[in-house]
């Protein structure tokens, strides 16, 4: 798998997985990992079985700091009408968990460094195409930047409908934080106005989703949709803090671009992680978005852009 290794000189180090949607895999600061490494490792997309296991095959390549979900579908799978593509044999589209984007290779358009006065910026850019004949033709252009001497990662994504018919668009970042940042006593920092939805496992297990326990054998994932209070600058900000390590990893995004936010709590031994998930859509998913009118339909050549920043900070 083609990989770009970023090193800013402050201890921030991360890998961009060119052959997996330009997602970020391994991530650490001063030798302390914060990007989740699952048992799957980082698999080449040629090994991915998109339609297998009733749509759950996405879980066989689910690993890394960022796993992109989209471009036309996120959340759990299902079958939706395909009449907009005007191809009679394709009556419906069947989606797997979190869509196709995270297992598509990018065309690497460039990488290197540029100077802005005394500031040196490390960068990489690539294009991911999700397309089929008589179906969607969506293009993701992703640019990743980090300042030499800095402790932040900047992500700018532009999704364009490169086709000539309206195309559905859903988008979500599965941002996964793992050990040693995630450990017993680490905590979530988020300005939560209310929790709009939670999985049944929350009532059954009652694990704390703010101050995290250690690994639990056989734990069933707990998932929440939280309504966040935007800051005065229009940003949402959430973070995971480990005071024992003196380390905080924060994520910021435009509330207008990702108005929804999910928390994925996976305390299972051997899979220990917490996921922070900015999303364009409510947890009810694709079919519900089409029914209630909240689905985003990109017209021909129409684009949407998303701006996200990751920061490693001191917790003192």
Protein backbone atom coordinates (compact mmCIF):
# COMPACT_ATOMS: atom_id res chain seq x y z
CA UNK A 1 0.00 0.00 0.00
CA UNK A 2 1.36 3.43 -0.93
CA UNK A 3 1.92 5.48 2.22
CA UNK A 4 3.20 9.01 2.84
CA UNK A 5 4.98 9.52 6.16
CA UNK A 6 4.59 12.97 7.73
CA UNK A 7 7.00 14.10 10.48
CA UNK A 8 6.72 17.68 11.74
CA UNK A 9 9.75 17.63 14.05
CA UNK A 10 7.79 18.23 17.25
CA UNK A 11 7.00 14.55 17.79
CA UNK A 12 3.87 14.58 15.63
CA UNK A 13 4.08 11.72 13.15
CA UNK A 14 1.31 10.28 10.97
CA UNK A 15 0.87 8.19 7.85
CA UNK A 16 -1.37 9.04 4.90
CA UNK A 17 -2.70 5.87 3.25
CA UNK A 18 -2.77 6.85 -0.42
CA UNK A 19 -4.28 3.54 -1.49
CA UNK A 20 -7.04 3.80 1.09
CA UNK A 21 -8.79 7.07 0.30
CA UNK A 22 -5.89 9.23 1.57
CA UNK A 23 -7.07 8.36 5.08
CA UNK A 24 -4.72 8.73 8.06
CA UNK A 25 -3.57 5.42 9.53
CA UNK A 26 -0.92 5.40 12.24
CA UNK A 27 -0.65 8.63 14.28
CA UNK A 28 1.51 9.40 17.31
CA UNK A 29 3.08 12.24 19.26
CA UNK A 30 6.44 11.93 21.03
CA UNK A 31 6.21 8.17 20.65
CA UNK A 32 2.71 7.97 22.18
CA UNK A 33 0.20 6.56 19.73
CA UNK A 34 -3.26 8.07 19.48
CA UNK A 35 -4.53 6.69 16.17
CA UNK A 36 -6.34 3.38 16.67
CA UNK A 37 -4.75 0.21 15.27
CA UNK A 38 -7.32 -2.58 14.94
CA UNK A 39 -6.50 -6.28 14.38
CA UNK A 40 -7.21 -5.85 10.63
CA UNK A 41 -4.09 -3.77 10.03
CA UNK A 42 -4.07 -1.53 6.97
CA UNK A 43 -5.30 -3.64 4.05
CA UNK A 44 -4.86 -2.93 0.38
CA UNK A 45 -8.27 -2.13 -1.22
CA UNK A 46 -7.73 -4.94 -3.69
CA UNK A 47 -8.39 -7.35 -0.80
CA UNK A 48 -11.68 -5.71 0.13
CA UNK A 49 -14.99 -7.53 -0.42
CA UNK A 50 -17.44 -4.64 -0.58
CA UNK A 51 -20.64 -6.70 -0.91
CA UNK A 52 -19.79 -9.59 1.39
CA UNK A 53 -21.12 -10.48 4.85
CA UNK A 54 -24.43 -8.69 4.30
CA UNK A 55 -22.63 -5.38 3.98
CA UNK A 56 -20.46 -5.76 7.10
CA UNK A 57 -17.22 -6.50 5.22
CA UNK A 58 -16.19 -2.87 5.87
CA UNK A 59 -15.20 -4.13 9.34
CA UNK A 60 -12.39 -6.20 7.75
CA UNK A 61 -10.43 -3.06 6.87
CA UNK A 62 -11.58 -0.79 9.71
CA UNK A 63 -8.43 0.68 11.26
CA UNK A 64 -6.61 3.98 11.62
CA UNK A 65 -7.08 7.52 12.89
CA UNK A 66 -9.50 8.38 10.06
CA UNK A 67 -11.73 6.07 8.07
CA UNK A 68 -13.81 8.01 5.53
CA UNK A 69 -17.47 7.07 5.14
CA UNK A 70 -19.43 8.05 2.01
CA UNK A 71 -19.52 9.37 -0.64
CA UNK A 72 -23.18 8.58 -1.34
CA UNK A 73 -23.98 6.55 1.77
CA UNK A 74 -22.99 6.39 5.46
CA UNK A 75 -24.11 4.44 8.52
CA UNK A 76 -25.68 0.99 8.27
CA UNK A 77 -26.44 -0.65 4.95
CA UNK A 78 -29.72 -1.15 3.18
CA UNK A 79 -31.45 -0.95 -0.15
CA UNK A 80 -32.67 2.31 -1.69
CA UNK A 81 -34.27 3.20 -5.06
CA UNK A 82 -31.97 3.85 -8.03
CA UNK A 83 -34.56 5.37 -10.39
CA UNK A 84 -32.60 8.64 -10.58
CA UNK A 85 -29.91 6.89 -12.63
CA UNK A 86 -32.42 6.05 -15.38
CA UNK A 87 -31.15 2.53 -16.05
CA UNK A 88 -34.05 0.02 -15.89
CA UNK A 89 -31.97 -3.04 -14.89
CA UNK A 90 -30.70 -1.11 -11.81
CA UNK A 91 -33.92 -0.77 -9.84
CA UNK A 92 -32.18 -0.28 -6.50
CA UNK A 93 -28.80 0.23 -4.88
CA UNK A 94 -27.68 -1.94 -1.99
CA UNK A 95 -25.20 -0.28 0.37
CA UNK A 96 -22.83 -1.80 2.89
CA UNK A 97 -21.84 -0.29 6.22
CA UNK A 98 -20.48 3.27 5.74
CA UNK A 99 -20.30 3.11 1.96
CA UNK A 100 -17.42 2.56 -0.49
CA UNK A 101 -15.07 5.55 -0.17
CA UNK A 102 -12.82 4.27 2.62
CA UNK A 103 -11.70 1.33 0.47
CA UNK A 104 -11.00 3.20 -2.77
CA UNK A 105 -7.43 4.09 -3.83
CA UNK A 106 -6.51 7.68 -4.58
CA UNK A 107 -4.72 9.14 -7.58
CA UNK A 108 -1.87 10.96 -5.88
CA UNK A 109 -1.65 14.37 -7.52
CA UNK A 110 1.22 15.76 -5.44
CA UNK A 111 3.08 16.03 -2.15
CA UNK A 112 5.96 17.99 -0.71
CA UNK A 113 6.56 21.24 1.15
CA UNK A 114 5.82 24.86 0.41
CA UNK A 115 7.11 28.00 2.07
CA UNK A 116 4.84 30.79 3.23
CA UNK A 117 7.33 33.38 4.46
CA UNK A 118 9.13 31.71 7.36
CA UNK A 119 6.47 29.01 7.62
CA UNK A 120 7.05 25.61 6.02
CA UNK A 121 3.93 23.57 5.23
CA UNK A 122 4.08 19.84 4.54
CA UNK A 123 1.26 18.75 2.21
CA UNK A 124 -0.24 15.99 0.13
CA UNK A 125 -3.20 15.95 -2.25
CA UNK A 126 -5.05 13.19 -4.04
CA UNK A 127 -8.27 12.38 -5.86
CA UNK A 128 -10.65 9.50 -5.14
CA UNK A 129 -13.28 8.58 -7.72
CA UNK A 130 -16.42 6.60 -6.86
CA UNK A 131 -18.18 5.87 -10.13
CA UNK A 132 -20.06 3.32 -12.19
CA UNK A 133 -21.67 3.33 -15.61
CA UNK A 134 -25.37 4.27 -15.22
CA UNK A 135 -24.82 5.19 -11.56
CA UNK A 136 -23.02 7.77 -9.42
CA UNK A 137 -19.92 9.67 -10.55
CA UNK A 138 -18.52 11.32 -7.43
CA UNK A 139 -15.05 12.79 -6.98
CA UNK A 140 -13.30 13.50 -3.68
CA UNK A 141 -10.25 15.78 -3.71
CA UNK A 142 -8.44 15.62 -0.37
CA UNK A 143 -5.65 17.91 0.78
CA UNK A 144 -3.75 17.24 4.01
CA UNK A 145 -1.39 19.80 5.55
CA UNK A 146 0.81 20.02 8.64
CA UNK A 147 3.23 22.80 9.59
CA UNK A 148 6.88 21.97 10.15
CA UNK A 149 7.33 22.57 13.87
CA UNK A 150 3.58 22.28 14.48
CA UNK A 151 1.24 19.90 16.30
CA UNK A 152 -1.83 20.00 14.08
CA UNK A 153 -3.16 18.22 10.99
CA UNK A 154 -5.46 20.08 8.59
CA UNK A 155 -7.83 18.25 6.28
CA UNK A 156 -9.73 19.89 3.40
CA UNK A 157 -12.07 17.68 1.38
CA UNK A 158 -14.09 18.69 -1.67
CA UNK A 159 -16.73 16.27 -2.97
CA UNK A 160 -18.04 16.95 -6.49
CA UNK A 161 -20.75 15.33 -8.55
CA UNK A 162 -18.79 14.82 -11.78
CA UNK A 163 -21.85 13.33 -13.51
CA UNK A 164 -24.83 14.85 -15.25
CA UNK A 165 -27.67 13.61 -13.05
CA UNK A 166 -28.32 14.57 -9.40
CA UNK A 167 -26.47 12.25 -7.02
CA UNK A 168 -27.11 11.54 -3.33
CA UNK A 169 -24.34 12.60 -0.97
CA UNK A 170 -23.72 11.57 2.63
CA UNK A 171 -20.39 12.06 4.42
CA UNK A 172 -18.89 11.09 7.76
CA UNK A 173 -15.44 10.85 9.35
CA UNK A 174 -14.88 7.86 11.63
CA UNK A 175 -12.10 9.35 13.79
CA UNK A 176 -10.70 6.57 15.97
CA UNK A 177 -8.55 7.12 19.05
CA UNK A 178 -6.82 4.24 20.81
CA UNK A 179 -4.33 3.26 23.49
CA UNK A 180 -2.33 4.74 25.19
CA UNK A 181 -4.30 7.98 24.75
CA UNK A 182 -7.45 5.98 25.45
CA UNK A 183 -7.01 4.35 28.83
CA UNK A 184 -8.90 3.95 32.08
CA UNK A 185 -9.64 7.46 33.38
CA UNK A 186 -9.26 9.23 30.03
CA UNK A 187 -12.25 11.44 29.29
CA UNK A 188 -14.30 13.05 26.56
CA UNK A 189 -14.42 16.84 26.35
CA UNK A 190 -17.45 18.06 24.40
CA UNK A 191 -20.07 20.76 24.86
CA UNK A 192 -23.08 18.42 24.63
CA UNK A 193 -26.47 20.12 24.69
CA UNK A 194 -28.37 16.83 24.75
CA UNK A 195 -28.07 13.22 23.66
CA UNK A 196 -30.60 12.63 20.88
CA UNK A 197 -30.19 8.87 20.47
CA UNK A 198 -28.29 5.96 21.96
CA UNK A 199 -27.98 2.27 21.16
CA UNK A 200 -29.77 -0.35 23.27
CA UNK A 201 -26.41 -1.50 24.61
CA UNK A 202 -26.10 1.73 26.63
CA UNK A 203 -29.00 0.77 28.93
CA UNK A 204 -27.79 -2.83 29.12
CA UNK A 205 -24.13 -2.11 30.00
CA UNK A 206 -24.21 1.44 31.42
CA UNK A 207 -20.53 2.06 30.65
CA UNK A 208 -19.48 5.67 31.22
CA UNK A 209 -19.11 7.48 27.87
CA UNK A 210 -17.48 10.59 29.38
CA UNK A 211 -14.84 9.15 31.74
CA UNK A 212 -13.75 5.94 30.06
CA UNK A 213 -13.26 2.57 31.75
CA UNK A 214 -10.50 0.18 30.78
CA UNK A 215 -10.98 -2.71 28.32
CA UNK A 216 -13.91 -5.05 28.96
CA UNK A 217 -14.06 -8.63 27.56
CA UNK A 218 -17.09 -9.14 25.30
CA UNK A 219 -18.16 -5.49 25.41
CA UNK A 220 -20.91 -4.57 22.93
CA UNK A 221 -20.34 -1.22 21.21
CA UNK A 222 -22.24 1.77 22.61
CA UNK A 223 -23.21 4.47 20.13
CA UNK A 224 -24.61 7.94 20.81
CA UNK A 225 -25.82 10.88 18.76
CA UNK A 226 -25.04 14.07 20.65
CA UNK A 227 -26.27 17.57 19.81
CA UNK A 228 -23.29 19.88 20.30
CA UNK A 229 -23.34 23.59 21.10
CA UNK A 230 -21.39 25.50 18.40
CA UNK A 231 -18.70 27.90 19.55
CA UNK A 232 -18.99 31.61 18.69
CA UNK A 233 -16.67 31.06 15.71
CA UNK A 234 -19.08 28.48 14.26
CA UNK A 235 -16.86 25.49 15.04
CA UNK A 236 -17.60 22.28 16.88
CA UNK A 237 -14.74 21.00 19.04
CA UNK A 238 -14.42 17.66 20.83
CA UNK A 239 -11.38 16.08 22.45
CA UNK A 240 -10.14 13.04 24.33
CA UNK A 241 -7.92 13.89 27.29
CA UNK A 242 -5.50 11.67 29.18
CA UNK A 243 -4.23 13.65 32.16
CA UNK A 244 -1.86 10.87 33.23
CA UNK A 245 -0.06 11.26 29.88
CA UNK A 246 -0.58 15.03 29.92
CA UNK A 247 -2.05 14.68 26.43
CA UNK A 248 -5.16 15.95 24.67
CA UNK A 249 -6.17 15.19 21.06
CA UNK A 250 -8.80 17.65 19.83
CA UNK A 251 -10.84 17.73 16.62
CA UNK A 252 -12.49 20.86 15.21
CA UNK A 253 -14.86 21.22 12.26
CA UNK A 254 -17.37 23.68 10.85
CA UNK A 255 -20.79 23.10 12.42
CA UNK A 256 -22.46 24.11 9.15
CA UNK A 257 -20.54 21.41 7.22
CA UNK A 258 -21.02 18.57 9.70
CA UNK A 259 -24.11 19.43 11.78
CA UNK A 260 -24.38 15.98 13.42
CA UNK A 261 -22.01 14.16 15.78
CA UNK A 262 -21.81 10.56 16.96
CA UNK A 263 -19.71 8.96 19.67
CA UNK A 264 -18.65 5.33 19.20
CA UNK A 265 -17.55 3.64 22.41
CA UNK A 266 -15.79 0.32 21.81
CA UNK A 267 -14.33 -0.95 25.08
CA UNK A 268 -13.95 -4.55 23.94
CA UNK A 269 -10.62 -6.14 24.86
CA UNK A 270 -8.44 -6.36 21.74
CA UNK A 271 -10.47 -3.68 19.93
CA UNK A 272 -10.30 -0.88 22.53
CA UNK A 273 -11.19 2.46 20.89
CA UNK A 274 -13.38 5.53 21.02
CA UNK A 275 -14.71 7.06 17.81
CA UNK A 276 -15.57 10.73 17.19
CA UNK A 277 -17.83 11.01 14.14
CA UNK A 278 -18.76 14.33 12.51
CA UNK A 279 -21.57 13.64 10.04
CA UNK A 280 -23.72 15.34 7.42
CA UNK A 281 -26.77 13.30 8.46
CA UNK A 282 -28.74 12.03 11.41
CA UNK A 283 -28.12 8.51 12.73
CA UNK A 284 -31.35 7.22 11.12
CA UNK A 285 -29.46 6.92 7.82
CA UNK A 286 -30.02 6.84 4.06
CA UNK A 287 -33.64 5.72 3.62
CA UNK A 288 -34.86 8.07 6.36
CA UNK A 289 -32.95 11.00 4.84
CA UNK A 290 -34.65 10.40 1.49
CA UNK A 291 -38.03 10.17 3.17
CA UNK A 292 -37.77 13.29 5.35
CA UNK A 293 -36.08 15.43 2.67
CA UNK A 294 -32.73 15.82 4.45
CA UNK A 295 -30.73 13.88 1.83
CA UNK A 296 -28.13 16.06 0.12
CA UNK A 297 -28.57 15.91 -3.67
CA UNK A 298 -25.58 17.26 -5.56
CA UNK A 299 -26.47 18.64 -8.98
CA UNK A 300 -24.23 18.22 -12.01
CA UNK A 301 -20.75 19.62 -11.20
CA UNK A 302 -21.95 20.77 -7.75
CA UNK A 303 -19.46 20.54 -4.87
CA UNK A 304 -19.32 20.56 -1.09
CA UNK A 305 -16.16 21.31 0.92
CA UNK A 306 -15.29 20.16 4.44
CA UNK A 307 -12.61 21.61 6.76
CA UNK A 308 -11.32 19.66 9.77
CA UNK A 309 -8.36 20.22 12.12
CA UNK A 310 -6.70 17.79 14.52
CA UNK A 311 -4.55 19.16 17.33
CA UNK A 312 -2.30 17.45 19.86
CA UNK A 313 -2.19 19.57 22.99
CA UNK A 314 -0.91 19.45 26.53
CA UNK A 315 -3.52 18.37 29.08
CA UNK A 316 -1.86 20.29 31.92
